Amino acid sequence: MVRTFTPALVALAALVAAAVPARADLQICSRMSYVVEAAIAIEDKGAAATRGWFRVDPGQCRVAIKGDVPSETLYIHARALPVYGGSPLPQNGHADFCVGAESFAFPAAQTCNRTGQKLARFTAIKPSQTEKGMTAYLAEDAEYTDEQARDAGIQRLLVIAGYDANPIDGIRAGKTDAAIRLFERLCEECPTSWIDRLGRARIEALRSKAKTRPPGDR
């Protein structure tokens, strides 16, 4: 079962339940050190709809709504992948709406009436206008930049896989680079270069390694 959390401590975008004007394309950007899957809720005139999941890697963005967003209020809920173990953040927020275990789109999300649906706590957001468009940010107390979030994401997965890349601080130094080199030598399927930092293939390789490597074989 995938463990969940809401980005309540975060929000480079203000966490408010105020009205959000209709704008083109909404994207979710992550400055977290976790790979997350996000769901959004759109509340308009007393009705609510939800859709998900949108996978967002550390330091990356993902378009969640294309075109204008005809809503009074937007909400977000995010869950960490199971490889991370327990929920990294406490669960809190502003409203409960229905989500599904896999990809879903529920036009009436205030009551869960179907098999596979469950209520999840969502946090109200007010996206900000950026050069990329309307953007909602997920972040941590550490307040990483995009690059630091990518590096912290690498460090966190290395530590889970049994390599010494502590502390998880988003700062690339000799200890982290040594752990990466050791990981590359022991993982034949891994890419040969980490110059471009964190790519999907790299995070997938690390996540797979963390899942399959026995605790005693490190």
N, C-alpha and C. Protein backbone atom coordinates (compact mmCIF):
# COMPACT_ATOMS: atom_id res chain seq x y z
N MET A 1 0.85 -1.19 0.00
CA MET A 1 0.00 0.00 0.00
C MET A 1 0.88 1.24 0.00
N VAL A 2 0.55 2.24 -0.82
CA VAL A 2 1.35 3.44 -0.90
C VAL A 2 1.03 4.33 0.29
N ARG A 3 2.05 4.77 1.01
CA ARG A 3 1.86 5.66 2.13
C ARG A 3 1.70 7.07 1.62
N THR A 4 0.90 7.87 2.32
CA THR A 4 0.57 9.18 1.79
C THR A 4 0.98 10.29 2.74
N PHE A 5 1.13 11.50 2.17
CA PHE A 5 1.29 12.69 2.98
C PHE A 5 0.75 13.87 2.22
N THR A 6 0.37 14.91 2.91
CA THR A 6 -0.01 16.15 2.26
C THR A 6 1.07 17.18 2.48
N PRO A 7 1.30 18.09 1.52
CA PRO A 7 2.41 19.02 1.60
C PRO A 7 2.07 20.22 2.46
N ALA A 8 1.69 19.99 3.75
CA ALA A 8 1.18 21.06 4.56
C ALA A 8 2.27 22.00 5.05
N LEU A 9 3.49 21.45 5.23
CA LEU A 9 4.55 22.29 5.79
C LEU A 9 5.17 23.16 4.72
N VAL A 10 4.80 22.96 3.50
CA VAL A 10 5.47 23.46 2.36
C VAL A 10 4.79 24.49 1.64
N ALA A 11 4.89 24.91 1.05
CA ALA A 11 4.18 25.60 0.11
C ALA A 11 4.79 26.90 -0.15
N LEU A 12 5.55 26.86 -1.20
CA LEU A 12 6.08 28.09 -1.70
C LEU A 12 4.92 28.87 -2.30
N ALA A 13 3.89 28.15 -2.73
CA ALA A 13 2.63 28.81 -3.08
C ALA A 13 1.83 28.90 -1.80
N ALA A 14 1.12 29.99 -1.55
CA ALA A 14 0.42 30.18 -0.29
C ALA A 14 -0.67 29.16 -0.14
N LEU A 15 -0.77 28.59 1.06
CA LEU A 15 -1.79 27.58 1.34
C LEU A 15 -3.02 28.31 1.87
N VAL A 16 -3.88 28.67 0.99
CA VAL A 16 -5.07 29.40 1.38
C VAL A 16 -6.27 28.84 0.66
N ALA A 17 -7.43 29.07 1.18
CA ALA A 17 -8.64 28.60 0.54
C ALA A 17 -9.33 29.73 -0.21
N ALA A 18 -8.53 30.65 -0.70
CA ALA A 18 -9.09 31.78 -1.42
C ALA A 18 -9.40 31.38 -2.86
N ALA A 19 -10.15 32.24 -3.53
CA ALA A 19 -10.52 31.96 -4.91
C ALA A 19 -9.31 32.01 -5.81
N VAL A 20 -9.28 31.11 -6.81
CA VAL A 20 -8.20 31.07 -7.79
C VAL A 20 -8.79 31.42 -9.16
N PRO A 21 -8.35 32.48 -9.77
CA PRO A 21 -8.92 32.87 -11.05
C PRO A 21 -8.55 31.87 -12.14
N ALA A 22 -9.38 31.82 -13.17
CA ALA A 22 -9.13 30.90 -14.28
C ALA A 22 -7.86 31.32 -15.01
N ARG A 23 -6.91 30.41 -15.17
CA ARG A 23 -5.67 30.66 -15.88
C ARG A 23 -5.36 29.45 -16.75
N ALA A 24 -4.45 29.63 -17.69
CA ALA A 24 -4.07 28.54 -18.58
C ALA A 24 -3.03 27.65 -17.93
N ASP A 25 -3.18 26.35 -18.06
CA ASP A 25 -2.23 25.33 -17.62
C ASP A 25 -1.75 25.50 -16.18
N LEU A 26 -2.04 24.50 -15.40
CA LEU A 26 -1.55 24.44 -14.02
C LEU A 26 -0.50 23.34 -13.94
N GLN A 27 0.67 23.66 -13.40
CA GLN A 27 1.69 22.65 -13.22
C GLN A 27 2.08 22.55 -11.75
N ILE A 28 2.49 21.34 -11.38
CA ILE A 28 2.95 21.06 -10.03
C ILE A 28 4.47 20.90 -10.09
N CYS A 29 5.19 21.66 -9.28
CA CYS A 29 6.64 21.58 -9.24
C CYS A 29 7.08 21.11 -7.86
N SER A 30 8.04 20.22 -7.81
CA SER A 30 8.51 19.66 -6.55
C SER A 30 9.91 20.12 -6.20
N ARG A 31 10.05 20.68 -5.01
CA ARG A 31 11.36 20.97 -4.44
C ARG A 31 11.55 20.10 -3.19
N MET A 32 11.06 18.87 -3.31
CA MET A 32 11.20 17.88 -2.25
C MET A 32 12.26 16.86 -2.63
N SER A 33 12.77 16.16 -1.64
CA SER A 33 13.78 15.13 -1.88
C SER A 33 13.14 13.76 -2.07
N TYR A 34 11.84 13.72 -2.25
CA TYR A 34 11.10 12.48 -2.46
C TYR A 34 10.47 12.50 -3.84
N VAL A 35 10.35 11.33 -4.46
CA VAL A 35 9.51 11.18 -5.64
C VAL A 35 8.07 11.10 -5.13
N VAL A 36 7.21 11.96 -5.63
CA VAL A 36 5.84 11.99 -5.12
C VAL A 36 4.85 11.78 -6.26
N GLU A 37 3.66 11.38 -5.87
CA GLU A 37 2.52 11.34 -6.79
C GLU A 37 1.47 12.27 -6.21
N ALA A 38 1.01 13.19 -7.04
CA ALA A 38 0.09 14.22 -6.58
C ALA A 38 -1.29 14.04 -7.19
N ALA A 39 -2.29 14.48 -6.44
CA ALA A 39 -3.67 14.53 -6.94
C ALA A 39 -4.18 15.94 -6.71
N ILE A 40 -5.04 16.39 -7.58
CA ILE A 40 -5.61 17.73 -7.42
C ILE A 40 -7.12 17.63 -7.26
N ALA A 41 -7.68 18.59 -6.59
CA ALA A 41 -9.14 18.71 -6.45
C ALA A 41 -9.54 20.10 -6.92
N ILE A 42 -10.61 20.14 -7.67
CA ILE A 42 -11.14 21.40 -8.18
C ILE A 42 -12.53 21.58 -7.58
N GLU A 43 -12.71 22.62 -6.80
CA GLU A 43 -13.99 22.89 -6.16
C GLU A 43 -14.62 24.11 -6.81
N ASP A 44 -15.84 23.95 -7.28
CA ASP A 44 -16.49 25.03 -8.01
C ASP A 44 -17.98 25.00 -7.71
N LYS A 45 -18.48 26.07 -7.14
CA LYS A 45 -19.91 26.22 -6.86
C LYS A 45 -20.47 25.07 -6.03
N GLY A 46 -19.73 24.68 -5.01
CA GLY A 46 -20.20 23.65 -4.09
C GLY A 46 -19.94 22.23 -4.52
N ALA A 47 -19.47 22.02 -5.74
CA ALA A 47 -19.14 20.67 -6.23
C ALA A 47 -17.62 20.53 -6.31
N ALA A 48 -17.14 19.28 -6.28
CA ALA A 48 -15.70 19.05 -6.33
C ALA A 48 -15.39 17.86 -7.23
N ALA A 49 -14.30 17.96 -7.97
CA ALA A 49 -13.80 16.88 -8.80
C ALA A 49 -12.32 16.67 -8.49
N THR A 50 -11.87 15.43 -8.58
CA THR A 50 -10.46 15.12 -8.33
C THR A 50 -9.88 14.35 -9.50
N ARG A 51 -8.56 14.44 -9.64
CA ARG A 51 -7.86 13.64 -10.64
C ARG A 51 -6.42 13.41 -10.17
N GLY A 52 -5.85 12.31 -10.61
CA GLY A 52 -4.47 11.94 -10.22
C GLY A 52 -4.14 10.60 -10.86
N TRP A 53 -3.01 10.05 -10.70
CA TRP A 53 -1.91 10.64 -9.95
C TRP A 53 -0.91 11.24 -10.92
N PHE A 54 -0.26 12.34 -10.51
CA PHE A 54 0.76 12.98 -11.33
C PHE A 54 2.11 12.78 -10.64
N ARG A 55 2.93 11.96 -11.24
CA ARG A 55 4.25 11.70 -10.64
C ARG A 55 5.17 12.89 -10.89
N VAL A 56 5.82 13.34 -9.82
CA VAL A 56 6.75 14.47 -9.92
C VAL A 56 8.06 14.09 -9.23
N ASP A 57 9.15 14.12 -9.97
CA ASP A 57 10.47 13.82 -9.41
C ASP A 57 11.05 15.06 -8.75
N PRO A 58 12.02 14.90 -7.85
CA PRO A 58 12.64 16.06 -7.21
C PRO A 58 13.20 17.06 -8.21
N GLY A 59 12.88 18.33 -8.01
CA GLY A 59 13.37 19.38 -8.88
C GLY A 59 12.71 19.44 -10.24
N GLN A 60 11.60 18.70 -10.41
CA GLN A 60 10.91 18.65 -11.70
C GLN A 60 9.50 19.22 -11.58
N CYS A 61 8.87 19.45 -12.74
CA CYS A 61 7.49 19.95 -12.80
C CYS A 61 6.65 19.01 -13.66
N ARG A 62 5.35 19.04 -13.44
CA ARG A 62 4.42 18.20 -14.20
C ARG A 62 3.12 18.97 -14.40
N VAL A 63 2.65 19.05 -15.64
CA VAL A 63 1.39 19.72 -15.93
C VAL A 63 0.24 18.86 -15.42
N ALA A 64 -0.62 19.45 -14.60
CA ALA A 64 -1.76 18.73 -14.03
C ALA A 64 -3.07 19.11 -14.71
N ILE A 65 -3.17 20.34 -15.15
CA ILE A 65 -4.38 20.80 -15.85
C ILE A 65 -3.95 21.58 -17.07
N LYS A 66 -4.42 21.17 -18.23
CA LYS A 66 -4.12 21.89 -19.45
C LYS A 66 -5.28 22.81 -19.81
N GLY A 67 -4.97 24.04 -20.16
CA GLY A 67 -6.01 24.99 -20.48
C GLY A 67 -6.49 25.73 -19.25
N ASP A 68 -7.56 26.51 -19.42
CA ASP A 68 -8.09 27.30 -18.33
C ASP A 68 -8.62 26.42 -17.21
N VAL A 69 -8.52 26.92 -15.99
CA VAL A 69 -8.97 26.20 -14.81
C VAL A 69 -10.20 26.90 -14.25
N PRO A 70 -11.41 26.40 -14.57
CA PRO A 70 -12.64 27.07 -14.13
C PRO A 70 -13.01 26.67 -12.71
N SER A 71 -12.30 27.22 -11.74
CA SER A 71 -12.52 26.79 -10.37
C SER A 71 -12.55 27.95 -9.40
N GLU A 72 -13.23 27.73 -8.29
CA GLU A 72 -13.19 28.69 -7.20
C GLU A 72 -11.99 28.42 -6.31
N THR A 73 -11.73 27.15 -6.03
CA THR A 73 -10.63 26.78 -5.14
C THR A 73 -9.93 25.53 -5.66
N LEU A 74 -8.63 25.51 -5.54
CA LEU A 74 -7.83 24.35 -5.91
C LEU A 74 -7.22 23.75 -4.66
N TYR A 75 -7.11 22.41 -4.68
CA TYR A 75 -6.51 21.69 -3.57
C TYR A 75 -5.49 20.70 -4.13
N ILE A 76 -4.55 20.29 -3.27
CA ILE A 76 -3.57 19.29 -3.68
C ILE A 76 -3.35 18.29 -2.55
N HIS A 77 -3.10 17.05 -2.95
CA HIS A 77 -2.73 15.99 -2.03
C HIS A 77 -1.58 15.24 -2.67
N ALA A 78 -0.59 14.85 -1.87
CA ALA A 78 0.56 14.14 -2.43
C ALA A 78 0.91 12.93 -1.57
N ARG A 79 1.41 11.90 -2.23
CA ARG A 79 1.84 10.70 -1.52
C ARG A 79 3.25 10.34 -1.97
N ALA A 80 4.04 9.86 -1.02
CA ALA A 80 5.39 9.40 -1.34
C ALA A 80 5.33 7.95 -1.81
N LEU A 81 6.29 7.56 -2.64
CA LEU A 81 6.35 6.18 -3.08
C LEU A 81 6.69 5.26 -1.91
N PRO A 82 6.25 4.01 -1.93
CA PRO A 82 6.45 3.12 -0.79
C PRO A 82 7.89 2.84 -0.44
N VAL A 83 8.83 3.05 -1.37
CA VAL A 83 10.23 2.79 -1.09
C VAL A 83 10.74 3.63 0.07
N TYR A 84 10.08 4.75 0.36
CA TYR A 84 10.55 5.63 1.42
C TYR A 84 10.11 5.18 2.81
N GLY A 85 9.27 4.18 2.90
CA GLY A 85 8.84 3.71 4.21
C GLY A 85 7.70 4.55 4.75
N GLY A 86 7.81 4.98 5.99
CA GLY A 86 6.74 5.73 6.64
C GLY A 86 6.52 7.09 6.01
N SER A 87 5.36 7.66 6.30
CA SER A 87 5.01 8.96 5.76
C SER A 87 6.01 10.01 6.23
N PRO A 88 6.64 10.76 5.31
CA PRO A 88 7.66 11.72 5.69
C PRO A 88 7.12 12.97 6.37
N LEU A 89 5.83 13.26 6.20
CA LEU A 89 5.24 14.45 6.79
C LEU A 89 3.92 14.08 7.46
N PRO A 90 3.53 14.82 8.51
CA PRO A 90 2.23 14.57 9.14
C PRO A 90 1.10 14.90 8.17
N GLN A 91 -0.02 14.23 8.33
CA GLN A 91 -1.15 14.45 7.45
C GLN A 91 -2.07 15.52 8.05
N ASN A 92 -2.24 16.59 7.31
CA ASN A 92 -3.20 17.62 7.68
C ASN A 92 -3.59 18.37 6.42
N GLY A 93 -4.51 19.26 6.52
CA GLY A 93 -4.98 19.95 5.33
C GLY A 93 -6.28 20.66 5.60
N HIS A 94 -7.04 20.92 4.54
CA HIS A 94 -8.25 21.73 4.66
C HIS A 94 -9.54 21.01 4.31
N ALA A 95 -9.48 19.94 3.52
CA ALA A 95 -10.72 19.28 3.08
C ALA A 95 -10.42 17.84 2.67
N ASP A 96 -11.46 17.00 2.74
CA ASP A 96 -11.33 15.60 2.34
C ASP A 96 -12.07 15.35 1.03
N PHE A 97 -11.38 14.71 0.08
CA PHE A 97 -11.99 14.36 -1.19
C PHE A 97 -11.56 12.94 -1.56
N CYS A 98 -12.27 12.34 -2.51
CA CYS A 98 -12.01 10.96 -2.91
C CYS A 98 -10.82 10.87 -3.86
N VAL A 99 -10.04 9.81 -3.67
CA VAL A 99 -8.95 9.48 -4.58
C VAL A 99 -9.03 7.99 -4.89
N GLY A 100 -8.31 7.57 -5.92
CA GLY A 100 -8.23 6.15 -6.26
C GLY A 100 -6.83 5.64 -6.04
N ALA A 101 -6.68 4.33 -6.01
CA ALA A 101 -5.36 3.74 -5.80
C ALA A 101 -4.46 3.95 -7.01
N GLU A 102 -5.05 3.87 -8.21
CA GLU A 102 -4.31 4.08 -9.45
C GLU A 102 -4.80 5.37 -10.10
N SER A 103 -4.43 5.58 -11.36
CA SER A 103 -4.86 6.79 -12.06
C SER A 103 -6.39 6.91 -12.02
N PHE A 104 -6.88 8.11 -11.78
CA PHE A 104 -8.32 8.29 -11.61
C PHE A 104 -8.74 9.69 -12.02
N ALA A 105 -10.02 9.84 -12.27
CA ALA A 105 -10.66 11.15 -12.48
C ALA A 105 -12.10 11.00 -11.98
N PHE A 106 -12.42 11.63 -10.87
CA PHE A 106 -13.73 11.52 -10.26
C PHE A 106 -14.47 12.86 -10.37
N PRO A 107 -15.55 12.90 -11.13
CA PRO A 107 -16.29 14.15 -11.31
C PRO A 107 -17.06 14.58 -10.06
N ALA A 108 -17.40 13.63 -9.19
CA ALA A 108 -18.08 13.94 -7.94
C ALA A 108 -17.26 13.31 -6.81
N ALA A 109 -16.43 14.12 -6.17
CA ALA A 109 -15.41 13.57 -5.28
C ALA A 109 -15.64 13.87 -3.81
N GLN A 110 -16.81 14.33 -3.44
CA GLN A 110 -17.04 14.65 -2.03
C GLN A 110 -17.51 13.45 -1.24
N THR A 111 -18.04 12.44 -1.94
CA THR A 111 -18.48 11.21 -1.29
C THR A 111 -17.92 10.02 -2.07
N CYS A 112 -17.33 9.08 -1.36
CA CYS A 112 -16.74 7.90 -2.00
C CYS A 112 -17.75 6.77 -2.01
N ASN A 113 -18.27 6.42 -3.17
CA ASN A 113 -19.31 5.40 -3.27
C ASN A 113 -18.89 4.16 -4.04
N ARG A 114 -17.71 4.18 -4.63
CA ARG A 114 -17.29 3.06 -5.47
C ARG A 114 -16.12 2.32 -4.86
N THR A 115 -15.99 1.06 -5.26
CA THR A 115 -14.87 0.24 -4.80
C THR A 115 -13.55 0.86 -5.25
N GLY A 116 -12.60 0.91 -4.35
CA GLY A 116 -11.30 1.47 -4.68
C GLY A 116 -11.16 2.94 -4.36
N GLN A 117 -12.28 3.59 -4.03
CA GLN A 117 -12.22 5.00 -3.65
C GLN A 117 -11.98 5.13 -2.15
N LYS A 118 -11.28 6.17 -1.76
CA LYS A 118 -11.12 6.47 -0.34
C LYS A 118 -10.92 7.97 -0.17
N LEU A 119 -11.26 8.46 1.01
CA LEU A 119 -11.08 9.88 1.29
C LEU A 119 -9.62 10.17 1.64
N ALA A 120 -9.13 11.29 1.15
CA ALA A 120 -7.78 11.74 1.46
C ALA A 120 -7.84 13.23 1.80
N ARG A 121 -6.94 13.64 2.67
CA ARG A 121 -6.92 15.04 3.09
C ARG A 121 -6.14 15.89 2.08
N PHE A 122 -6.79 16.93 1.58
CA PHE A 122 -6.21 17.85 0.60
C PHE A 122 -5.93 19.20 1.25
N THR A 123 -4.93 19.88 0.72
CA THR A 123 -4.55 21.21 1.19
C THR A 123 -4.90 22.24 0.12
N ALA A 124 -5.56 23.31 0.53
CA ALA A 124 -5.91 24.37 -0.41
C ALA A 124 -4.66 25.11 -0.85
N ILE A 125 -4.60 25.44 -2.12
CA ILE A 125 -3.42 26.14 -2.66
C ILE A 125 -3.86 27.33 -3.50
N LYS A 126 -2.98 28.28 -3.58
CA LYS A 126 -3.15 29.40 -4.51
C LYS A 126 -1.93 29.43 -5.41
N PRO A 127 -2.02 28.86 -6.60
CA PRO A 127 -0.86 28.82 -7.49
C PRO A 127 -0.36 30.22 -7.80
N SER A 128 0.93 30.31 -8.07
CA SER A 128 1.54 31.59 -8.42
C SER A 128 1.84 31.64 -9.91
N GLN A 129 1.83 32.83 -10.45
CA GLN A 129 2.14 33.02 -11.86
C GLN A 129 3.66 33.08 -12.01
N THR A 130 4.23 32.17 -12.77
CA THR A 130 5.67 32.15 -13.01
C THR A 130 5.92 32.18 -14.50
N GLU A 131 7.19 32.19 -14.87
CA GLU A 131 7.54 32.17 -16.29
C GLU A 131 7.11 30.87 -16.95
N LYS A 132 6.85 29.84 -16.14
CA LYS A 132 6.39 28.55 -16.66
C LYS A 132 4.86 28.47 -16.71
N GLY A 133 4.18 29.48 -16.20
CA GLY A 133 2.72 29.45 -16.13
C GLY A 133 2.26 29.41 -14.69
N MET A 134 0.99 29.00 -14.48
CA MET A 134 0.46 28.88 -13.13
C MET A 134 1.11 27.67 -12.45
N THR A 135 1.72 27.89 -11.29
CA THR A 135 2.54 26.86 -10.67
C THR A 135 2.20 26.70 -9.20
N ALA A 136 2.04 25.44 -8.77
CA ALA A 136 1.90 25.11 -7.36
C ALA A 136 3.15 24.34 -6.96
N TYR A 137 3.78 24.75 -5.88
CA TYR A 137 5.03 24.14 -5.43
C TYR A 137 4.82 23.21 -4.25
N LEU A 138 5.55 22.10 -4.27
CA LEU A 138 5.68 21.22 -3.11
C LEU A 138 7.11 21.38 -2.62
N ALA A 139 7.28 21.54 -1.31
CA ALA A 139 8.62 21.77 -0.78
C ALA A 139 8.74 21.20 0.61
N GLU A 140 9.93 21.28 1.17
CA GLU A 140 10.20 20.80 2.52
C GLU A 140 10.71 21.96 3.37
N ASP A 141 10.83 21.71 4.67
CA ASP A 141 11.36 22.73 5.57
C ASP A 141 12.76 23.17 5.16
N ALA A 142 13.50 22.27 4.51
CA ALA A 142 14.87 22.59 4.10
C ALA A 142 14.92 23.68 3.04
N GLU A 143 13.81 23.93 2.36
CA GLU A 143 13.72 24.97 1.34
C GLU A 143 14.80 24.80 0.25
N TYR A 144 14.83 23.60 -0.33
CA TYR A 144 15.78 23.31 -1.40
C TYR A 144 15.49 24.15 -2.64
N THR A 145 16.53 24.44 -3.40
CA THR A 145 16.35 24.90 -4.77
C THR A 145 16.05 23.68 -5.63
N ASP A 146 15.75 23.89 -6.90
CA ASP A 146 15.51 22.75 -7.79
C ASP A 146 16.72 21.82 -7.82
N GLU A 147 17.91 22.39 -7.98
CA GLU A 147 19.11 21.56 -8.07
C GLU A 147 19.38 20.84 -6.75
N GLN A 148 19.19 21.53 -5.64
CA GLN A 148 19.40 20.89 -4.34
C GLN A 148 18.39 19.77 -4.11
N ALA A 149 17.15 19.97 -4.58
CA ALA A 149 16.14 18.91 -4.43
C ALA A 149 16.55 17.68 -5.22
N ARG A 150 17.09 17.87 -6.42
CA ARG A 150 17.55 16.72 -7.21
C ARG A 150 18.67 15.98 -6.49
N ASP A 151 19.63 16.74 -5.96
CA ASP A 151 20.75 16.10 -5.28
C ASP A 151 20.31 15.44 -3.98
N ALA A 152 19.40 16.09 -3.24
CA ALA A 152 18.88 15.47 -2.02
C ALA A 152 18.09 14.21 -2.35
N GLY A 153 17.41 14.22 -3.50
CA GLY A 153 16.69 13.02 -3.94
C GLY A 153 17.64 11.87 -4.21
N ILE A 154 18.79 12.17 -4.83
CA ILE A 154 19.81 11.15 -5.05
C ILE A 154 20.33 10.63 -3.72
N GLN A 155 20.67 11.55 -2.83
CA GLN A 155 21.20 11.16 -1.52
C GLN A 155 20.22 10.26 -0.77
N ARG A 156 18.95 10.63 -0.78
CA ARG A 156 17.95 9.87 -0.02
C ARG A 156 17.82 8.44 -0.56
N LEU A 157 17.78 8.29 -1.88
CA LEU A 157 17.67 6.96 -2.46
C LEU A 157 18.94 6.13 -2.25
N LEU A 158 20.09 6.79 -2.29
CA LEU A 158 21.34 6.07 -2.00
C LEU A 158 21.34 5.54 -0.57
N VAL A 159 20.90 6.36 0.37
CA VAL A 159 20.87 5.94 1.77
C VAL A 159 19.90 4.77 1.95
N ILE A 160 18.73 4.86 1.30
CA ILE A 160 17.76 3.76 1.38
C ILE A 160 18.35 2.48 0.83
N ALA A 161 19.15 2.62 -0.23
CA ALA A 161 19.75 1.44 -0.87
C ALA A 161 20.94 0.90 -0.08
N GLY A 162 21.34 1.60 0.98
CA GLY A 162 22.41 1.08 1.83
C GLY A 162 23.76 1.74 1.65
N TYR A 163 23.81 2.84 0.91
CA TYR A 163 25.07 3.54 0.68
C TYR A 163 25.16 4.75 1.60
N ASP A 164 26.37 5.09 2.01
CA ASP A 164 26.57 6.19 2.95
C ASP A 164 26.64 7.52 2.21
N ALA A 165 25.48 8.16 2.05
CA ALA A 165 25.41 9.47 1.40
C ALA A 165 24.88 10.53 2.35
N ASN A 166 24.90 10.24 3.65
CA ASN A 166 24.44 11.21 4.63
C ASN A 166 25.47 12.34 4.79
N PRO A 167 25.01 13.55 5.19
CA PRO A 167 23.62 13.90 5.48
C PRO A 167 22.84 14.18 4.20
N ILE A 168 21.52 14.03 4.28
CA ILE A 168 20.66 14.35 3.14
C ILE A 168 20.39 15.86 3.20
N ASP A 169 21.22 16.61 2.50
CA ASP A 169 21.16 18.06 2.59
C ASP A 169 21.13 18.77 1.25
N GLY A 170 21.14 18.00 0.16
CA GLY A 170 21.10 18.62 -1.17
C GLY A 170 22.43 19.22 -1.61
N ILE A 171 23.50 18.92 -0.89
CA ILE A 171 24.82 19.46 -1.23
C ILE A 171 25.71 18.33 -1.75
N ARG A 172 26.13 18.44 -3.01
CA ARG A 172 26.98 17.42 -3.60
C ARG A 172 28.40 17.63 -3.11
N ALA A 173 28.94 16.66 -2.42
CA ALA A 173 30.31 16.73 -1.92
C ALA A 173 30.97 15.38 -2.12
N GLY A 174 32.19 15.24 -1.61
CA GLY A 174 32.96 14.02 -1.83
C GLY A 174 32.27 12.77 -1.36
N LYS A 175 31.58 12.83 -0.22
CA LYS A 175 30.95 11.65 0.33
C LYS A 175 29.82 11.16 -0.56
N THR A 176 29.01 12.09 -1.06
CA THR A 176 27.92 11.72 -1.96
C THR A 176 28.45 11.17 -3.27
N ASP A 177 29.47 11.83 -3.83
CA ASP A 177 30.05 11.37 -5.09
C ASP A 177 30.67 9.99 -4.95
N ALA A 178 31.30 9.73 -3.79
CA ALA A 178 31.89 8.41 -3.55
C ALA A 178 30.80 7.35 -3.49
N ALA A 179 29.68 7.67 -2.87
CA ALA A 179 28.56 6.72 -2.80
C ALA A 179 28.00 6.46 -4.19
N ILE A 180 27.93 7.49 -5.02
CA ILE A 180 27.43 7.33 -6.39
C ILE A 180 28.37 6.42 -7.19
N ARG A 181 29.68 6.64 -7.06
CA ARG A 181 30.64 5.82 -7.79
C ARG A 181 30.56 4.36 -7.36
N LEU A 182 30.40 4.14 -6.06
CA LEU A 182 30.26 2.77 -5.57
C LEU A 182 28.98 2.15 -6.10
N PHE A 183 27.90 2.90 -6.10
CA PHE A 183 26.63 2.40 -6.62
C PHE A 183 26.75 2.04 -8.09
N GLU A 184 27.41 2.89 -8.87
CA GLU A 184 27.56 2.61 -10.30
C GLU A 184 28.37 1.34 -10.55
N ARG A 185 29.38 1.11 -9.74
CA ARG A 185 30.20 -0.09 -9.91
C ARG A 185 29.42 -1.35 -9.58
N LEU A 186 28.49 -1.26 -8.63
CA LEU A 186 27.75 -2.43 -8.20
C LEU A 186 26.45 -2.64 -8.96
N CYS A 187 26.08 -1.68 -9.75
CA CYS A 187 24.79 -1.78 -10.46
C CYS A 187 25.05 -1.74 -11.96
N GLU A 188 25.01 -2.87 -12.59
CA GLU A 188 25.34 -2.96 -14.02
C GLU A 188 24.31 -2.25 -14.88
N GLU A 189 23.05 -2.20 -14.42
CA GLU A 189 22.02 -1.59 -15.24
C GLU A 189 22.00 -0.08 -15.15
N CYS A 190 22.80 0.48 -14.26
CA CYS A 190 22.75 1.93 -14.04
C CYS A 190 23.45 2.68 -15.18
N PRO A 191 23.04 3.91 -15.43
CA PRO A 191 23.73 4.73 -16.44
C PRO A 191 25.18 4.93 -16.04
N THR A 192 26.04 5.20 -17.00
CA THR A 192 27.47 5.33 -16.73
C THR A 192 27.86 6.73 -16.30
N SER A 193 26.98 7.68 -16.48
CA SER A 193 27.33 9.06 -16.13
C SER A 193 26.23 9.69 -15.29
N TRP A 194 26.63 10.48 -14.31
CA TRP A 194 25.68 11.22 -13.47
C TRP A 194 25.84 12.71 -13.68
N ILE A 195 26.45 13.08 -14.78
CA ILE A 195 26.74 14.49 -15.01
C ILE A 195 25.46 15.33 -15.02
N ASP A 196 24.41 14.80 -15.60
CA ASP A 196 23.18 15.58 -15.69
C ASP A 196 22.30 15.42 -14.45
N ARG A 197 22.95 15.02 -13.35
CA ARG A 197 22.28 14.93 -12.06
C ARG A 197 21.20 13.87 -12.07
N LEU A 198 19.97 14.30 -11.74
CA LEU A 198 18.91 13.32 -11.51
C LEU A 198 17.99 13.23 -12.72
N GLY A 199 18.02 12.10 -13.42
CA GLY A 199 17.09 11.85 -14.51
C GLY A 199 16.17 10.71 -14.10
N ARG A 200 15.11 10.53 -14.86
CA ARG A 200 14.15 9.48 -14.50
C ARG A 200 14.81 8.10 -14.49
N ALA A 201 15.70 7.82 -15.45
CA ALA A 201 16.35 6.51 -15.47
C ALA A 201 17.18 6.29 -14.22
N ARG A 202 17.84 7.34 -13.74
CA ARG A 202 18.67 7.21 -12.56
C ARG A 202 17.84 6.97 -11.32
N ILE A 203 16.77 7.72 -11.18
CA ILE A 203 15.95 7.55 -9.99
C ILE A 203 15.25 6.21 -10.01
N GLU A 204 14.88 5.73 -11.21
CA GLU A 204 14.27 4.41 -11.32
C GLU A 204 15.29 3.33 -10.94
N ALA A 205 16.53 3.51 -11.40
CA ALA A 205 17.56 2.52 -11.08
C ALA A 205 17.83 2.47 -9.59
N LEU A 206 17.92 3.63 -8.95
CA LEU A 206 18.15 3.68 -7.51
C LEU A 206 16.97 3.10 -6.75
N ARG A 207 15.76 3.44 -7.19
CA ARG A 207 14.56 2.95 -6.51
C ARG A 207 14.47 1.43 -6.62
N SER A 208 14.80 0.91 -7.81
CA SER A 208 14.79 -0.54 -8.00
C SER A 208 15.84 -1.20 -7.12
N LYS A 209 17.00 -0.59 -7.02
CA LYS A 209 18.07 -1.13 -6.19
C LYS A 209 17.65 -1.15 -4.73
N ALA A 210 16.98 -0.09 -4.29
CA ALA A 210 16.54 -0.02 -2.90
C ALA A 210 15.51 -1.10 -2.59
N LYS A 211 14.71 -1.45 -3.58
CA LYS A 211 13.68 -2.47 -3.37
C LYS A 211 14.26 -3.88 -3.33
N THR A 212 15.29 -4.12 -4.15
CA THR A 212 15.72 -5.51 -4.36
C THR A 212 16.96 -5.89 -3.56
N ARG A 213 17.72 -4.94 -3.10
CA ARG A 213 18.96 -5.28 -2.41
C ARG A 213 18.68 -5.72 -0.98
N PRO A 214 19.06 -6.96 -0.58
CA PRO A 214 18.81 -7.42 0.78
C PRO A 214 19.54 -6.57 1.80
N PRO A 215 18.93 -6.32 2.99
CA PRO A 215 19.56 -5.46 3.99
C PRO A 215 20.97 -5.90 4.36
N GLY A 216 21.25 -7.22 4.36
CA GLY A 216 22.57 -7.68 4.76
C GLY A 216 23.61 -7.64 3.66
N ASP A 217 23.16 -7.38 2.42
CA ASP A 217 24.08 -7.40 1.28
C ASP A 217 24.44 -5.99 0.89
N ARG A 218 25.07 -5.24 1.79
CA ARG A 218 25.38 -3.85 1.54
C ARG A 218 26.84 -3.57 1.87
